[in-house]
Structure formats: C-alpha cells, structure tokens
C-alpha cells in the first residue's frame, strides 16, 4: 500500500505540479512571480483551491512583506534558504501558516530556477 502512495504522489508531482510550477517559471520578472505566488493564483488568475480559505487581506500582507525581501529572495542559494526567507516574512502575519510559506517558496523557486530541487520527489 505504501508503494502505491509513493507512486501516486510522485505522479502528482511530475505531471500536475510541474504544470503549475511552469506558470510561475514563466513570469516575466521575480516581482511578478512573488506577487502571484503570495496571492496563490494560477494561470487562470484564480486562487489555488487548497488555499481558498485564506483571507485575501492576509495574503496581500504576505505579498507586501515578501516584496520588501525581494533582494534576499533573489540572492537565495538553496530552497532551504528561500523557504527561511519566506517564513520570516509571512509567518508573523495572522492567518498565514507553514503550508502557505512552503507553497509560496516552492512557486517562487520555480521562477528562480537557479538551483536543483531534490525535495520535489519522494524517494522509494
């Protein structure tokens, strides 16, 4: 049963999430990627379904906080460093939690494309 779960998760990551991340990768600037990632919008300019319960105002505060860290985001050398920057910027905002921080960092990382992403697949 556990092997099936790993296969399902890896399939999701490879086929569905790669399409989602391509949208963020294709943003014309880091600022655009940060804005879209923090507001959790997709290619149709709609909010990602699993983040629909987040308050718009909190997400806008997250956007503003992360835009102030844009230089640090651009200089991040790894996903862990980027994730830490995002966490420091958004976790103090009421209504934004760890999943939001991780998802936002992952979306922004797609735009940066400057380092490998070993965390994307679950190993067997």
PDB file of N, CA and C in Angstrom:
ATOM      1  N   UNK A   1       0.822  -1.198   0.000  1.00  0.00           N
ATOM      2  CA  UNK A   1       0.000   0.000   0.000  1.00  0.00           C
ATOM      3  C   UNK A   1       0.866   1.263   0.000  1.00  0.00           C
ATOM      4  N   UNK A   2       1.946   1.254   0.789  1.00  0.00           N
ATOM      5  CA  UNK A   2       2.809   2.423   0.882  1.00  0.00           C
ATOM      6  C   UNK A   2       3.491   2.715  -0.457  1.00  0.00           C
ATOM      7  N   UNK A   3       3.854   1.691  -1.194  1.00  0.00           N
ATOM      8  CA  UNK A   3       4.485   1.888  -2.505  1.00  0.00           C
ATOM      9  C   UNK A   3       3.501   2.568  -3.443  1.00  0.00           C
ATOM     10  N   UNK A   4       2.228   2.189  -3.409  1.00  0.00           N
ATOM     11  CA  UNK A   4       1.223   2.836  -4.260  1.00  0.00           C
ATOM     12  C   UNK A   4       1.104   4.318  -3.932  1.00  0.00           C
ATOM     13  N   UNK A   5       1.150   4.648  -2.658  1.00  0.00           N
ATOM     14  CA  UNK A   5       1.070   6.048  -2.260  1.00  0.00           C
ATOM     15  C   UNK A   5       2.250   6.831  -2.825  1.00  0.00           C
ATOM     16  N   UNK A   6       3.447   6.279  -2.728  1.00  0.00           N
ATOM     17  CA  UNK A   6       4.630   6.958  -3.276  1.00  0.00           C
ATOM     18  C   UNK A   6       4.496   7.151  -4.783  1.00  0.00           C
ATOM     19  N   UNK A   7       3.974   6.145  -5.477  1.00  0.00           N
ATOM     20  CA  UNK A   7       3.784   6.249  -6.923  1.00  0.00           C
ATOM     21  C   UNK A   7       2.770   7.341  -7.230  1.00  0.00           C
ATOM     22  N   UNK A   8       1.681   7.394  -6.481  1.00  0.00           N
ATOM     23  CA  UNK A   8       0.660   8.429  -6.699  1.00  0.00           C
ATOM     24  C   UNK A   8       1.214   9.830  -6.441  1.00  0.00           C
ATOM     25  N   UNK A   9       1.937   9.977  -5.339  1.00  0.00           N
ATOM     26  CA  UNK A   9       2.495  11.289  -5.006  1.00  0.00           C
ATOM     27  C   UNK A   9       3.502  11.721  -6.059  1.00  0.00           C
ATOM     28  N   UNK A  10       4.375  10.826  -6.460  1.00  0.00           N
ATOM     29  CA  UNK A  10       5.363  11.172  -7.484  1.00  0.00           C
ATOM     30  C   UNK A  10       4.703  11.487  -8.823  1.00  0.00           C
ATOM     31  N   UNK A  11       3.631  10.783  -9.160  1.00  0.00           N
ATOM     32  CA  UNK A  11       2.901  11.085 -10.394  1.00  0.00           C
ATOM     33  C   UNK A  11       2.289  12.472 -10.332  1.00  0.00           C
ATOM     34  N   UNK A  12       1.689  12.792  -9.187  1.00  0.00           N
ATOM     35  CA  UNK A  12       1.118  14.127  -8.999  1.00  0.00           C
ATOM     36  C   UNK A  12       2.197  15.197  -9.170  1.00  0.00           C
ATOM     37  N   UNK A  13       3.318  14.986  -8.512  1.00  0.00           N
ATOM     38  CA  UNK A  13       4.408  15.957  -8.559  1.00  0.00           C
ATOM     39  C   UNK A  13       4.936  16.109  -9.982  1.00  0.00           C
ATOM     40  N   UNK A  14       5.115  15.002 -10.662  1.00  0.00           N
ATOM     41  CA  UNK A  14       5.696  15.026 -12.002  1.00  0.00           C
ATOM     42  C   UNK A  14       4.760  15.635 -13.031  1.00  0.00           C
ATOM     43  N   UNK A  15       3.486  15.280 -12.973  1.00  0.00           N
ATOM     44  CA  UNK A  15       2.579  15.688 -14.050  1.00  0.00           C
ATOM     45  C   UNK A  15       1.723  16.895 -13.726  1.00  0.00           C
ATOM     46  N   UNK A  16       1.152  16.979 -12.542  1.00  0.00           N
ATOM     47  CA  UNK A  16       0.275  18.095 -12.252  1.00  0.00           C
ATOM     48  C   UNK A  16       1.056  19.283 -11.730  1.00  0.00           C
ATOM     49  N   UNK A  17       1.867  19.065 -10.712  1.00  0.00           N
ATOM     50  CA  UNK A  17       2.572  20.190 -10.114  1.00  0.00           C
ATOM     51  C   UNK A  17       3.566  20.802 -11.082  1.00  0.00           C
ATOM     52  N   UNK A  18       4.117  20.003 -11.986  1.00  0.00           N
ATOM     53  CA  UNK A  18       5.055  20.585 -12.946  1.00  0.00           C
ATOM     54  C   UNK A  18       4.350  21.604 -13.837  1.00  0.00           C
ATOM     55  N   UNK A  19       3.080  21.364 -14.180  1.00  0.00           N
ATOM     56  CA  UNK A  19       2.318  22.347 -14.956  1.00  0.00           C
ATOM     57  C   UNK A  19       2.087  23.615 -14.143  1.00  0.00           C
ATOM     58  N   UNK A  20       1.736  23.431 -12.878  1.00  0.00           N
ATOM     59  CA  UNK A  20       1.517  24.574 -12.003  1.00  0.00           C
ATOM     60  C   UNK A  20       2.793  25.408 -11.874  1.00  0.00           C
ATOM     61  N   UNK A  21       3.908  24.740 -11.651  1.00  0.00           N
ATOM     62  CA  UNK A  21       5.158  25.459 -11.475  1.00  0.00           C
ATOM     63  C   UNK A  21       5.630  26.118 -12.766  1.00  0.00           C
ATOM     64  N   UNK A  22       5.285  25.557 -13.898  1.00  0.00           N
ATOM     65  CA  UNK A  22       5.644  26.174 -15.181  1.00  0.00           C
ATOM     66  C   UNK A  22       5.024  27.567 -15.294  1.00  0.00           C
ATOM     67  N   UNK A  23       3.820  27.735 -14.770  1.00  0.00           N
ATOM     68  CA  UNK A  23       3.173  29.047 -14.774  1.00  0.00           C
ATOM     69  C   UNK A  23       4.025  30.069 -14.020  1.00  0.00           C
ATOM     70  N   UNK A  24       4.535  29.693 -12.856  1.00  0.00           N
ATOM     71  CA  UNK A  24       5.366  30.608 -12.075  1.00  0.00           C
ATOM     72  C   UNK A  24       6.728  30.805 -12.731  1.00  0.00           C
ATOM     73  N   UNK A  25       7.260  29.761 -13.319  1.00  0.00           N
ATOM     74  CA  UNK A  25       8.544  29.845 -14.018  1.00  0.00           C
ATOM     75  C   UNK A  25       8.458  30.834 -15.178  1.00  0.00           C
ATOM     76  N   UNK A  26       7.289  30.940 -15.799  1.00  0.00           N
ATOM     77  CA  UNK A  26       7.133  31.771 -16.994  1.00  0.00           C
ATOM     78  C   UNK A  26       6.853  33.247 -16.683  1.00  0.00           C
ATOM     79  N   UNK A  27       6.800  33.614 -15.422  1.00  0.00           N
ATOM     80  CA  UNK A  27       6.549  35.017 -15.089  1.00  0.00           C
ATOM     81  C   UNK A  27       7.696  35.880 -15.604  1.00  0.00           C
ATOM     82  N   UNK A  28       7.356  37.085 -16.067  1.00  0.00           N
ATOM     83  CA  UNK A  28       8.352  37.943 -16.714  1.00  0.00           C
ATOM     84  C   UNK A  28       9.383  38.517 -15.758  1.00  0.00           C
ATOM     85  N   UNK A  29       9.063  38.552 -14.464  1.00  0.00           N
ATOM     86  CA  UNK A  29      10.019  39.093 -13.501  1.00  0.00           C
ATOM     87  C   UNK A  29       9.843  38.392 -12.157  1.00  0.00           C
ATOM     88  N   UNK A  30      10.843  38.528 -11.318  1.00  0.00           N
ATOM     89  CA  UNK A  30      10.744  37.976  -9.978  1.00  0.00           C
ATOM     90  C   UNK A  30       9.616  38.657  -9.213  1.00  0.00           C
ATOM     91  N   UNK A  31       9.462  39.948  -9.392  1.00  0.00           N
ATOM     92  CA  UNK A  31       8.384  40.677  -8.708  1.00  0.00           C
ATOM     93  C   UNK A  31       7.020  40.108  -9.087  1.00  0.00           C
ATOM     94  N   UNK A  32       6.812  39.825 -10.370  1.00  0.00           N
ATOM     95  CA  UNK A  32       5.540  39.231 -10.807  1.00  0.00           C
ATOM     96  C   UNK A  32       5.348  37.854 -10.189  1.00  0.00           C
ATOM     97  N   UNK A  33       6.412  37.072 -10.134  1.00  0.00           N
ATOM     98  CA  UNK A  33       6.327  35.736  -9.544  1.00  0.00           C
ATOM     99  C   UNK A  33       5.988  35.825  -8.057  1.00  0.00           C
ATOM    100  N   UNK A  34       6.602  36.753  -7.348  1.00  0.00           N
ATOM    101  CA  UNK A  34       6.314  36.922  -5.924  1.00  0.00           C
ATOM    102  C   UNK A  34       4.857  37.328  -5.728  1.00  0.00           C
ATOM    103  N   UNK A  35       4.397  38.267  -6.519  1.00  0.00           N
ATOM    104  CA  UNK A  35       3.009  38.730  -6.390  1.00  0.00           C
ATOM    105  C   UNK A  35       2.028  37.588  -6.627  1.00  0.00           C
ATOM    106  N   UNK A  36       2.231  36.829  -7.681  1.00  0.00           N
ATOM    107  CA  UNK A  36       1.314  35.721  -7.994  1.00  0.00           C
ATOM    108  C   UNK A  36       1.447  34.595  -6.977  1.00  0.00           C
ATOM    109  N   UNK A  37       2.670  34.295  -6.558  1.00  0.00           N
ATOM    110  CA  UNK A  37       2.883  33.204  -5.604  1.00  0.00           C
ATOM    111  C   UNK A  37       2.259  33.523  -4.252  1.00  0.00           C
ATOM    112  N   UNK A  38       2.420  34.752  -3.791  1.00  0.00           N
ATOM    113  CA  UNK A  38       1.889  35.109  -2.475  1.00  0.00           C
ATOM    114  C   UNK A  38       0.368  35.210  -2.489  1.00  0.00           C
ATOM    115  N   UNK A  39      -0.206  35.508  -3.639  1.00  0.00           N
ATOM    116  CA  UNK A  39      -1.665  35.546  -3.749  1.00  0.00           C
ATOM    117  C   UNK A  39      -2.225  34.187  -4.177  1.00  0.00           C
ATOM    118  N   UNK A  40      -1.341  33.223  -4.411  1.00  0.00           N
ATOM    119  CA  UNK A  40      -1.708  31.838  -4.735  1.00  0.00           C
ATOM    120  C   UNK A  40      -2.622  31.744  -5.951  1.00  0.00           C
ATOM    121  N   UNK A  41      -2.320  32.544  -6.963  1.00  0.00           N
ATOM    122  CA  UNK A  41      -3.149  32.497  -8.171  1.00  0.00           C
ATOM    123  C   UNK A  41      -2.535  31.559  -9.201  1.00  0.00           C
ATOM    124  N   UNK A  42      -3.407  31.013 -10.044  1.00  0.00           N
ATOM    125  CA  UNK A  42      -2.962  30.093 -11.088  1.00  0.00           C
ATOM    126  C   UNK A  42      -2.979  30.785 -12.448  1.00  0.00           C
ATOM    127  N   UNK A  43      -2.791  30.023 -13.488  1.00  0.00           N
ATOM    128  CA  UNK A  43      -2.718  30.580 -14.842  1.00  0.00           C
ATOM    129  C   UNK A  43      -4.028  31.242 -15.269  1.00  0.00           C
ATOM    130  N   UNK A  44      -5.131  30.872 -14.652  1.00  0.00           N
ATOM    131  CA  UNK A  44      -6.440  31.481 -14.963  1.00  0.00           C
ATOM    132  C   UNK A  44      -6.748  32.654 -14.039  1.00  0.00           C
ATOM    133  N   UNK A  45      -5.748  33.080 -13.266  1.00  0.00           N
ATOM    134  CA  UNK A  45      -5.865  34.181 -12.322  1.00  0.00           C
ATOM    135  C   UNK A  45      -6.893  33.886 -11.220  1.00  0.00           C
ATOM    136  N   UNK A  46      -7.017  32.594 -10.877  1.00  0.00           N
ATOM    137  CA  UNK A  46      -7.894  32.165  -9.783  1.00  0.00           C
ATOM    138  C   UNK A  46      -7.029  31.620  -8.663  1.00  0.00           C
ATOM    139  N   UNK A  47      -7.528  31.719  -7.458  1.00  0.00           N
ATOM    140  CA  UNK A  47      -6.783  31.244  -6.301  1.00  0.00           C
ATOM    141  C   UNK A  47      -6.671  29.715  -6.316  1.00  0.00           C
ATOM    142  N   UNK A  48      -5.498  29.229  -5.928  1.00  0.00           N
ATOM    143  CA  UNK A  48      -5.296  27.785  -5.795  1.00  0.00           C
ATOM    144  C   UNK A  48      -6.360  27.238  -4.837  1.00  0.00           C
ATOM    145  N   UNK A  49      -6.989  26.133  -5.213  1.00  0.00           N
ATOM    146  CA  UNK A  49      -8.134  25.627  -4.456  1.00  0.00           C
ATOM    147  C   UNK A  49      -7.803  25.288  -3.007  1.00  0.00           C
ATOM    148  N   UNK A  50      -6.631  24.758  -2.744  1.00  0.00           N
ATOM    149  CA  UNK A  50      -6.324  24.373  -1.361  1.00  0.00           C
ATOM    150  C   UNK A  50      -5.968  25.565  -0.474  1.00  0.00           C
ATOM    151  N   UNK A  51      -5.941  26.761  -1.051  1.00  0.00           N
ATOM    152  CA  UNK A  51      -5.682  27.960  -0.246  1.00  0.00           C
ATOM    153  C   UNK A  51      -6.852  28.930  -0.326  1.00  0.00           C
ATOM    154  N   UNK A  52      -7.996  28.410  -0.675  1.00  0.00           N
ATOM    155  CA  UNK A  52      -9.186  29.255  -0.840  1.00  0.00           C
ATOM    156  C   UNK A  52      -9.699  29.836   0.468  1.00  0.00           C
ATOM    157  N   UNK A  53      -9.366  29.215   1.594  1.00  0.00           N
ATOM    158  CA  UNK A  53      -9.876  29.697   2.875  1.00  0.00           C
ATOM    159  C   UNK A  53      -9.033  30.818   3.481  1.00  0.00           C
ATOM    160  N   UNK A  54      -7.898  31.066   2.904  1.00  0.00           N
ATOM    161  CA  UNK A  54      -7.055  32.149   3.422  1.00  0.00           C
ATOM    162  C   UNK A  54      -7.698  33.496   3.100  1.00  0.00           C
ATOM    163  N   UNK A  55      -7.594  34.411   4.034  1.00  0.00           N
ATOM    164  CA  UNK A  55      -8.163  35.733   3.811  1.00  0.00           C
ATOM    165  C   UNK A  55      -7.308  36.521   2.821  1.00  0.00           C
ATOM    166  N   UNK A  56      -7.976  37.182   1.907  1.00  0.00           N
ATOM    167  CA  UNK A  56      -7.297  37.978   0.888  1.00  0.00           C
ATOM    168  C   UNK A  56      -6.383  39.012   1.524  1.00  0.00           C
ATOM    169  N   UNK A  57      -6.854  39.647   2.571  1.00  0.00           N
ATOM    170  CA  UNK A  57      -6.056  40.692   3.234  1.00  0.00           C
ATOM    171  C   UNK A  57      -4.747  40.124   3.793  1.00  0.00           C
ATOM    172  N   UNK A  58      -4.805  38.936   4.385  1.00  0.00           N
ATOM    173  CA  UNK A  58      -3.593  38.308   4.920  1.00  0.00           C
ATOM    174  C   UNK A  58      -2.623  38.001   3.778  1.00  0.00           C
ATOM    175  N   UNK A  59      -3.142  37.508   2.668  1.00  0.00           N
ATOM    176  CA  UNK A  59      -2.281  37.189   1.529  1.00  0.00           C
ATOM    177  C   UNK A  59      -1.661  38.454   0.944  1.00  0.00           C
ATOM    178  N   UNK A  60      -2.415  39.526   0.919  1.00  0.00           N
ATOM    179  CA  UNK A  60      -1.870  40.800   0.436  1.00  0.00           C
ATOM    180  C   UNK A  60      -0.771  41.310   1.379  1.00  0.00           C
ATOM    181  N   UNK A  61      -0.957  41.117   2.672  1.00  0.00           N
ATOM    182  CA  UNK A  61       0.098  41.482   3.629  1.00  0.00           C
ATOM    183  C   UNK A  61       1.335  40.616   3.396  1.00  0.00           C
ATOM    184  N   UNK A  62       1.109  39.337   3.094  1.00  0.00           N
ATOM    185  CA  UNK A  62       2.219  38.446   2.774  1.00  0.00           C
ATOM    186  C   UNK A  62       2.961  38.909   1.539  1.00  0.00           C
ATOM    187  N   UNK A  63       2.207  39.319   0.536  1.00  0.00           N
ATOM    188  CA  UNK A  63       2.814  39.849  -0.695  1.00  0.00           C
ATOM    189  C   UNK A  63       3.681  41.063  -0.383  1.00  0.00           C
ATOM    190  N   UNK A  64       3.133  42.005   0.373  1.00  0.00           N
ATOM    191  CA  UNK A  64       3.868  43.229   0.692  1.00  0.00           C
ATOM    192  C   UNK A  64       5.127  42.924   1.508  1.00  0.00           C
ATOM    193  N   UNK A  65       5.005  42.011   2.471  1.00  0.00           N
ATOM    194  CA  UNK A  65       6.155  41.657   3.308  1.00  0.00           C
ATOM    195  C   UNK A  65       7.243  40.992   2.475  1.00  0.00           C
ATOM    196  N   UNK A  66       6.857  40.112   1.567  1.00  0.00           N
ATOM    197  CA  UNK A  66       7.858  39.410   0.768  1.00  0.00           C
ATOM    198  C   UNK A  66       8.462  40.314  -0.305  1.00  0.00           C
ATOM    199  N   UNK A  67       7.698  41.262  -0.806  1.00  0.00           N
ATOM    200  CA  UNK A  67       8.251  42.200  -1.780  1.00  0.00           C
ATOM    201  C   UNK A  67       9.359  43.038  -1.138  1.00  0.00           C
ATOM    202  N   UNK A  68       9.261  43.282   0.156  1.00  0.00           N
ATOM    203  CA  UNK A  68      10.317  44.026   0.844  1.00  0.00           C
ATOM    204  C   UNK A  68      11.582  43.191   0.992  1.00  0.00           C
ATOM    205  N   UNK A  69      11.458  41.873   0.828  1.00  0.00           N
ATOM    206  CA  UNK A  69      12.610  40.955   0.932  1.00  0.00           C
ATOM    207  C   UNK A  69      13.067  40.481  -0.447  1.00  0.00           C
ATOM    208  N   UNK A  70      12.631  41.150  -1.498  1.00  0.00           N
ATOM    209  CA  UNK A  70      12.892  40.673  -2.859  1.00  0.00           C
ATOM    210  C   UNK A  70      14.375  40.452  -3.138  1.00  0.00           C
ATOM    211  N   UNK A  71      15.215  41.332  -2.664  1.00  0.00           N
ATOM    212  CA  UNK A  71      16.656  41.175  -2.907  1.00  0.00           C
ATOM    213  C   UNK A  71      17.177  39.898  -2.243  1.00  0.00           C
ATOM    214  N   UNK A  72      16.759  39.651  -1.014  1.00  0.00           N
ATOM    215  CA  UNK A  72      17.177  38.426  -0.310  1.00  0.00           C
ATOM    216  C   UNK A  72      16.638  37.189  -1.035  1.00  0.00           C
ATOM    217  N   UNK A  73      15.413  37.270  -1.518  1.00  0.00           N
ATOM    218  CA  UNK A  73      14.820  36.161  -2.279  1.00  0.00           C
ATOM    219  C   UNK A  73      15.661  35.890  -3.520  1.00  0.00           C
ATOM    220  N   UNK A  74      16.006  36.920  -4.232  1.00  0.00           N
ATOM    221  CA  UNK A  74      16.787  36.773  -5.460  1.00  0.00           C
ATOM    222  C   UNK A  74      18.180  36.207  -5.190  1.00  0.00           C
ATOM    223  N   UNK A  75      18.717  36.466  -4.016  1.00  0.00           N
ATOM    224  CA  UNK A  75      20.062  36.001  -3.674  1.00  0.00           C
ATOM    225  C   UNK A  75      20.091  34.646  -2.978  1.00  0.00           C
ATOM    226  N   UNK A  76      18.929  34.051  -2.735  1.00  0.00           N
ATOM    227  CA  UNK A  76      18.882  32.753  -2.053  1.00  0.00           C
ATOM    228  C   UNK A  76      19.645  31.712  -2.867  1.00  0.00           C
ATOM    229  N   UNK A  77      20.430  30.906  -2.176  1.00  0.00           N
ATOM    230  CA  UNK A  77      21.283  29.916  -2.840  1.00  0.00           C
ATOM    231  C   UNK A  77      20.704  28.502  -2.806  1.00  0.00           C
ATOM    232  N   UNK A  78      19.620  28.305  -2.063  1.00  0.00           N
ATOM    233  CA  UNK A  78      19.013  26.981  -1.968  1.00  0.00           C
ATOM    234  C   UNK A  78      17.534  27.139  -1.632  1.00  0.00           C
ATOM    235  N   UNK A  79      16.803  26.053  -1.793  1.00  0.00           N
ATOM    236  CA  UNK A  79      15.395  26.093  -1.415  1.00  0.00           C
ATOM    237  C   UNK A  79      15.257  26.346   0.086  1.00  0.00           C
ATOM    238  N   UNK A  80      16.095  25.717   0.882  1.00  0.00           N
ATOM    239  CA  UNK A  80      16.020  25.901   2.334  1.00  0.00           C
ATOM    240  C   UNK A  80      16.206  27.366   2.717  1.00  0.00           C
ATOM    241  N   UNK A  81      17.165  28.021   2.071  1.00  0.00           N
ATOM    242  CA  UNK A  81      17.395  29.436   2.360  1.00  0.00           C
ATOM    243  C   UNK A  81      16.190  30.276   1.919  1.00  0.00           C
ATOM    244  N   UNK A  82      15.676  29.999   0.740  1.00  0.00           N
ATOM    245  CA  UNK A  82      14.499  30.712   0.247  1.00  0.00           C
ATOM    246  C   UNK A  82      13.314  30.484   1.181  1.00  0.00           C
ATOM    247  N   UNK A  83      13.094  29.247   1.560  1.00  0.00           N
ATOM    248  CA  UNK A  83      11.982  28.910   2.455  1.00  0.00           C
ATOM    249  C   UNK A  83      12.108  29.660   3.774  1.00  0.00           C
ATOM    250  N   UNK A  84      13.307  29.765   4.315  1.00  0.00           N
ATOM    251  CA  UNK A  84      13.527  30.507   5.569  1.00  0.00           C
ATOM    252  C   UNK A  84      13.195  31.989   5.404  1.00  0.00           C
ATOM    253  N   UNK A  85      13.567  32.561   4.280  1.00  0.00           N
ATOM    254  CA  UNK A  85      13.258  33.976   3.997  1.00  0.00           C
ATOM    255  C   UNK A  85      11.755  34.170   3.954  1.00  0.00           C
ATOM    256  N   UNK A  86      11.070  33.274   3.244  1.00  0.00           N
ATOM    257  CA  UNK A  86       9.610  33.364   3.129  1.00  0.00           C
ATOM    258  C   UNK A  86       8.968  33.207   4.506  1.00  0.00           C
ATOM    259  N   UNK A  87       9.417  32.227   5.271  1.00  0.00           N
ATOM    260  CA  UNK A  87       8.851  32.023   6.612  1.00  0.00           C
ATOM    261  C   UNK A  87       9.008  33.264   7.486  1.00  0.00           C
ATOM    262  N   UNK A  88      10.213  33.833   7.499  1.00  0.00           N
ATOM    263  CA  UNK A  88      10.439  35.021   8.331  1.00  0.00           C
ATOM    264  C   UNK A  88       9.529  36.177   7.910  1.00  0.00           C
ATOM    265  N   UNK A  89       9.239  36.269   6.629  1.00  0.00           N
ATOM    266  CA  UNK A  89       8.414  37.372   6.129  1.00  0.00           C
ATOM    267  C   UNK A  89       6.925  37.157   6.394  1.00  0.00           C
ATOM    268  N   UNK A  90       6.435  35.933   6.225  1.00  0.00           N
ATOM    269  CA  UNK A  90       4.978  35.734   6.236  1.00  0.00           C
ATOM    270  C   UNK A  90       4.405  35.104   7.496  1.00  0.00           C
ATOM    271  N   UNK A  91       5.201  34.327   8.240  1.00  0.00           N
ATOM    272  CA  UNK A  91       4.624  33.651   9.407  1.00  0.00           C
ATOM    273  C   UNK A  91       4.141  34.595  10.512  1.00  0.00           C
ATOM    274  N   UNK A  92       4.723  35.790  10.656  1.00  0.00           N
ATOM    275  CA  UNK A  92       4.175  36.708  11.666  1.00  0.00           C
ATOM    276  C   UNK A  92       2.781  37.253  11.306  1.00  0.00           C
ATOM    277  N   UNK A  93       2.341  37.046  10.096  1.00  0.00           N
ATOM    278  CA  UNK A  93       1.050  37.581   9.648  1.00  0.00           C
ATOM    279  C   UNK A  93      -0.057  36.618  10.062  1.00  0.00           C
ATOM    280  N   UNK A  94      -1.034  37.142  10.790  1.00  0.00           N
ATOM    281  CA  UNK A  94      -2.160  36.326  11.258  1.00  0.00           C
ATOM    282  C   UNK A  94      -2.882  35.708  10.061  1.00  0.00           C
ATOM    283  N   UNK A  95      -3.101  34.410  10.144  1.00  0.00           N
ATOM    284  CA  UNK A  95      -3.829  33.705   9.093  1.00  0.00           C
ATOM    285  C   UNK A  95      -2.946  33.006   8.080  1.00  0.00           C
ATOM    286  N   UNK A  96      -1.652  33.275   8.090  1.00  0.00           N
ATOM    287  CA  UNK A  96      -0.735  32.612   7.166  1.00  0.00           C
ATOM    288  C   UNK A  96       0.111  31.624   7.959  1.00  0.00           C
ATOM    289  N   UNK A  97       0.164  30.394   7.488  1.00  0.00           N
ATOM    290  CA  UNK A  97       0.865  29.358   8.221  1.00  0.00           C
ATOM    291  C   UNK A  97       1.978  28.709   7.432  1.00  0.00           C
ATOM    292  N   UNK A  98       2.426  27.589   7.953  1.00  0.00           N
ATOM    293  CA  UNK A  98       3.571  26.891   7.375  1.00  0.00           C
ATOM    294  C   UNK A  98       3.298  26.370   5.962  1.00  0.00           C
ATOM    295  N   UNK A  99       2.097  25.859   5.703  1.00  0.00           N
ATOM    296  CA  UNK A  99       1.786  25.370   4.361  1.00  0.00           C
ATOM    297  C   UNK A  99       1.820  26.514   3.355  1.00  0.00           C
ATOM    298  N   UNK A 100       1.276  27.653   3.734  1.00  0.00           N
ATOM    299  CA  UNK A 100       1.313  28.833   2.865  1.00  0.00           C
ATOM    300  C   UNK A 100       2.766  29.222   2.567  1.00  0.00           C
ATOM    301  N   UNK A 101       3.602  29.226   3.603  1.00  0.00           N
ATOM    302  CA  UNK A 101       5.015  29.597   3.419  1.00  0.00           C
ATOM    303  C   UNK A 101       5.712  28.614   2.489  1.00  0.00           C
ATOM    304  N   UNK A 102       5.488  27.327   2.677  1.00  0.00           N
ATOM    305  CA  UNK A 102       6.119  26.320   1.822  1.00  0.00           C
ATOM    306  C   UNK A 102       5.646  26.461   0.375  1.00  0.00           C
ATOM    307  N   UNK A 103       4.337  26.543   0.178  1.00  0.00           N
ATOM    308  CA  UNK A 103       3.801  26.666  -1.180  1.00  0.00           C
ATOM    309  C   UNK A 103       4.317  27.919  -1.877  1.00  0.00           C
ATOM    310  N   UNK A 104       4.373  29.009  -1.156  1.00  0.00           N
ATOM    311  CA  UNK A 104       4.860  30.268  -1.722  1.00  0.00           C
ATOM    312  C   UNK A 104       6.328  30.143  -2.118  1.00  0.00           C
ATOM    313  N   UNK A 105       7.125  29.559  -1.249  1.00  0.00           N
ATOM    314  CA  UNK A 105       8.555  29.377  -1.554  1.00  0.00           C
ATOM    315  C   UNK A 105       8.733  28.464  -2.769  1.00  0.00           C
ATOM    316  N   UNK A 106       7.950  27.409  -2.850  1.00  0.00           N
ATOM    317  CA  UNK A 106       8.052  26.489  -3.978  1.00  0.00           C
ATOM    318  C   UNK A 106       7.718  27.188  -5.292  1.00  0.00           C
ATOM    319  N   UNK A 107       6.692  28.005  -5.286  1.00  0.00           N
ATOM    320  CA  UNK A 107       6.295  28.735  -6.501  1.00  0.00           C
ATOM    321  C   UNK A 107       7.377  29.729  -6.913  1.00  0.00           C
ATOM    322  N   UNK A 108       7.921  30.436  -5.954  1.00  0.00           N
ATOM    323  CA  UNK A 108       8.971  31.407  -6.265  1.00  0.00           C
ATOM    324  C   UNK A 108      10.223  30.695  -6.756  1.00  0.00           C
ATOM    325  N   UNK A 109      10.528  29.568  -6.157  1.00  0.00           N
ATOM    326  CA  UNK A 109      11.696  28.792  -6.583  1.00  0.00           C
ATOM    327  C   UNK A 109      11.590  28.424  -8.068  1.00  0.00           C
ATOM    328  N   UNK A 110      10.381  28.124  -8.508  1.00  0.00           N
ATOM    329  CA  UNK A 110      10.197  27.786  -9.920  1.00  0.00           C
ATOM    330  C   UNK A 110      10.668  28.927 -10.816  1.00  0.00           C
ATOM    331  N   UNK A 111      10.427  30.150 -10.404  1.00  0.00           N
ATOM    332  CA  UNK A 111      10.850  31.322 -11.190  1.00  0.00           C
ATOM    333  C   UNK A 111      12.362  31.515 -11.128  1.00  0.00           C
ATOM    334  N   UNK A 112      12.952  31.256  -9.968  1.00  0.00           N
ATOM    335  CA  UNK A 112      14.393  31.447  -9.810  1.00  0.00           C
ATOM    336  C   UNK A 112      15.187  30.442 -10.631  1.00  0.00           C
ATOM    337  N   UNK A 113      14.742  29.195 -10.643  1.00  0.00           N
ATOM    338  CA  UNK A 113      15.370  28.140 -11.465  1.00  0.00           C
ATOM    339  C   UNK A 113      16.885  28.122 -11.358  1.00  0.00           C
ATOM    340  N   UNK A 114      17.435  28.508 -10.226  1.00  0.00           N
ATOM    341  CA  UNK A 114      18.885  28.637 -10.163  1.00  0.00           C
ATOM    342  C   UNK A 114      19.571  27.523  -9.387  1.00  0.00           C
ATOM    343  N   UNK A 115      18.802  26.606  -8.847  1.00  0.00           N
ATOM    344  CA  UNK A 115      19.398  25.502  -8.116  1.00  0.00           C
ATOM    345  C   UNK A 115      18.491  24.285  -8.215  1.00  0.00           C
ATOM    346  N   UNK A 116      19.020  23.105  -7.993  1.00  0.00           N
ATOM    347  CA  UNK A 116      18.227  21.881  -8.120  1.00  0.00           C
ATOM    348  C   UNK A 116      17.137  21.788  -7.059  1.00  0.00           C
ATOM    349  N   UNK A 117      16.142  20.983  -7.331  1.00  0.00           N
ATOM    350  CA  UNK A 117      15.024  20.835  -6.427  1.00  0.00           C
ATOM    351  C   UNK A 117      14.841  19.390  -5.984  1.00  0.00           C
ATOM    352  N   UNK A 118      15.767  18.868  -5.170  1.00  0.00           N
ATOM    353  CA  UNK A 118      15.677  17.462  -4.764  1.00  0.00           C
ATOM    354  C   UNK A 118      14.478  17.179  -3.885  1.00  0.00           C
ATOM    355  N   UNK A 119      13.891  18.180  -3.270  1.00  0.00           N
ATOM    356  CA  UNK A 119      12.757  17.977  -2.376  1.00  0.00           C
ATOM    357  C   UNK A 119      11.461  17.689  -3.131  1.00  0.00           C
ATOM    358  N   UNK A 120      11.492  17.759  -4.447  1.00  0.00           N
ATOM    359  CA  UNK A 120      10.252  17.606  -5.196  1.00  0.00           C
ATOM    360  C   UNK A 120       9.759  16.167  -5.278  1.00  0.00           C
ATOM    361  N   UNK A 121      10.618  15.198  -5.235  1.00  0.00           N
ATOM    362  CA  UNK A 121      10.186  13.811  -5.353  1.00  0.00           C
ATOM    363  C   UNK A 121      10.409  13.058  -4.055  1.00  0.00           C
ATOM    364  N   UNK A 122       9.514  12.134  -3.795  1.00  0.00           N
ATOM    365  CA  UNK A 122       9.648  11.274  -2.633  1.00  0.00           C
ATOM    366  C   UNK A 122      10.462  10.067  -3.036  1.00  0.00           C
ATOM    367  N   UNK A 123      11.507   9.775  -2.283  1.00  0.00           N
ATOM    368  CA  UNK A 123      12.363   8.645  -2.641  1.00  0.00           C
ATOM    369  C   UNK A 123      11.706   7.330  -2.221  1.00  0.00           C
ATOM    370  N   UNK A 124      12.093   6.266  -2.892  1.00  0.00           N
ATOM    371  CA  UNK A 124      11.483   4.973  -2.590  1.00  0.00           C
ATOM    372  C   UNK A 124      12.162   4.256  -1.464  1.00  0.00           C
TER     373      UNK A 124
END
